[in-house]
């Protein structure tokens, strides 16, 4: 995790190359439009996210970030994942798009080493 994913921006930033390789090819045309062309009426794609580690379900909004070529998950990211799971800079997470269920799976793969540990 990077500081920008944990702070007051309230979103998880995912690079375009990862999204375009591992998520977009598995969305239908309507879903893809909601992600790529968000607007006032259609502000991103609402997706279910299953936290594999806690077996809990959460809802986020997935969309292309207009000021960059990246994609974001927001509308609950900080509360539902950062705070609830105690994510910190350096934690490594995994995301997997389940095309059969049209949902994302989330897991904390590796926790950052605590400061002062050798």
Protein backbone atom coordinates (compact mmCIF):
# COMPACT_ATOMS: atom_id res chain seq x y z
CA UNK A 1 0.00 0.00 0.00
CA UNK A 2 1.14 3.52 -0.81
CA UNK A 3 0.38 6.58 1.32
CA UNK A 4 -2.07 7.87 -1.30
CA UNK A 5 -4.14 4.67 -0.93
CA UNK A 6 -4.36 5.13 2.83
CA UNK A 7 -4.93 8.84 3.32
CA UNK A 8 -7.58 11.47 2.87
CA UNK A 9 -8.03 10.80 -0.87
CA UNK A 10 -10.28 7.87 0.15
CA UNK A 11 -9.49 5.67 -2.81
CA UNK A 12 -7.36 2.77 -3.99
CA UNK A 13 -5.43 3.64 -7.14
CA UNK A 14 -4.76 0.75 -9.55
CA UNK A 15 -2.55 1.10 -12.61
CA UNK A 16 -4.15 1.05 -16.04
CA UNK A 17 -2.03 -1.84 -17.28
CA UNK A 18 -3.23 -4.13 -14.48
CA UNK A 19 -6.89 -3.17 -14.89
CA UNK A 20 -6.79 -3.43 -18.68
CA UNK A 21 -5.19 -6.88 -18.49
CA UNK A 22 -6.96 -8.47 -15.53
CA UNK A 23 -10.38 -6.80 -15.12
CA UNK A 24 -11.71 -4.95 -18.19
CA UNK A 25 -11.57 -7.97 -20.55
CA UNK A 26 -13.99 -9.78 -18.23
CA UNK A 27 -16.62 -7.02 -18.00
CA UNK A 28 -19.57 -6.80 -20.35
CA UNK A 29 -20.06 -3.74 -22.58
CA UNK A 30 -22.37 -1.90 -20.18
CA UNK A 31 -20.08 -2.52 -17.20
CA UNK A 32 -17.06 -1.33 -19.18
CA UNK A 33 -18.83 1.90 -20.18
CA UNK A 34 -19.67 2.63 -16.55
CA UNK A 35 -16.01 2.21 -15.61
CA UNK A 36 -14.43 4.07 -18.52
CA UNK A 37 -16.94 6.89 -19.05
CA UNK A 38 -18.18 7.91 -15.61
CA UNK A 39 -20.49 10.93 -15.56
CA UNK A 40 -23.10 12.50 -13.30
CA UNK A 41 -25.79 9.93 -14.13
CA UNK A 42 -23.44 6.97 -14.32
CA UNK A 43 -20.69 7.58 -11.79
CA UNK A 44 -18.68 4.37 -12.12
CA UNK A 45 -19.53 0.71 -11.67
CA UNK A 46 -20.74 -0.48 -8.27
CA UNK A 47 -18.97 -3.75 -7.50
CA UNK A 48 -19.15 -6.26 -4.70
CA UNK A 49 -15.82 -6.99 -3.05
CA UNK A 50 -15.39 -10.14 -0.98
CA UNK A 51 -12.73 -9.90 1.70
CA UNK A 52 -11.37 -13.44 1.51
CA UNK A 53 -9.60 -13.17 4.87
CA UNK A 54 -12.71 -12.19 6.85
CA UNK A 55 -15.41 -13.70 4.59
CA UNK A 56 -17.18 -10.34 4.51
CA UNK A 57 -18.82 -8.53 1.59
CA UNK A 58 -18.40 -4.85 0.77
CA UNK A 59 -19.54 -2.48 -1.98
CA UNK A 60 -17.17 -0.09 -3.79
CA UNK A 61 -17.33 2.04 -6.92
CA UNK A 62 -14.86 1.23 -9.70
CA UNK A 63 -14.05 3.85 -12.34
CA UNK A 64 -11.37 5.42 -14.47
CA UNK A 65 -9.77 8.37 -12.75
CA UNK A 66 -10.29 11.38 -14.99
CA UNK A 67 -7.07 13.16 -14.03
CA UNK A 68 -4.82 10.21 -14.88
CA UNK A 69 -4.72 7.03 -16.89
CA UNK A 70 -5.28 4.94 -13.76
CA UNK A 71 -8.37 3.41 -12.21
CA UNK A 72 -9.74 3.77 -8.70
CA UNK A 73 -11.92 1.98 -6.20
CA UNK A 74 -13.66 4.45 -3.90
CA UNK A 75 -16.93 5.23 -2.11
CA UNK A 76 -16.09 3.31 1.05
CA UNK A 77 -12.49 2.18 0.46
CA UNK A 78 -11.05 3.90 3.54
CA UNK A 79 -13.75 2.82 6.01
CA UNK A 80 -14.39 -0.67 4.65
CA UNK A 81 -10.78 -1.69 4.03
CA UNK A 82 -8.10 0.71 5.31
CA UNK A 83 -9.58 1.25 8.78
CA UNK A 84 -11.38 -2.06 9.22
CA UNK A 85 -8.32 -4.10 8.21
CA UNK A 86 -5.74 -1.73 9.72
CA UNK A 87 -3.87 -1.32 6.44
CA UNK A 88 -0.58 0.57 6.57
CA UNK A 89 2.07 1.71 4.13
CA UNK A 90 3.99 -1.27 2.79
CA UNK A 91 1.18 -3.83 3.23
CA UNK A 92 0.71 -5.92 0.10
CA UNK A 93 -2.82 -6.70 -1.02
CA UNK A 94 -4.17 -8.96 -3.72
CA UNK A 95 -7.18 -8.33 -5.93
CA UNK A 96 -8.79 -10.89 -8.22
CA UNK A 97 -11.76 -10.29 -10.53
CA UNK A 98 -14.14 -13.26 -10.49
CA UNK A 99 -15.80 -13.16 -13.89
CA UNK A 100 -18.28 -15.92 -12.98
CA UNK A 101 -19.66 -13.95 -10.03
CA UNK A 102 -18.86 -10.46 -11.41
CA UNK A 103 -17.14 -9.45 -8.21
CA UNK A 104 -13.72 -8.67 -6.83
CA UNK A 105 -11.88 -10.75 -4.25
CA UNK A 106 -9.57 -8.93 -1.80
CA UNK A 107 -6.89 -10.30 0.50
CA UNK A 108 -3.99 -8.98 2.55
CA UNK A 109 -1.07 -10.96 1.15
CA UNK A 110 1.74 -9.61 3.30
CA UNK A 111 1.90 -7.16 6.19
CA UNK A 112 4.60 -4.48 6.28
CA UNK A 113 7.36 -5.08 8.80
CA UNK A 114 6.76 -3.15 12.00
CA UNK A 115 9.10 -0.21 12.57
CA UNK A 116 12.14 -1.10 14.64
CA UNK A 117 12.05 -4.83 13.88
CA UNK A 118 15.16 -6.43 12.42
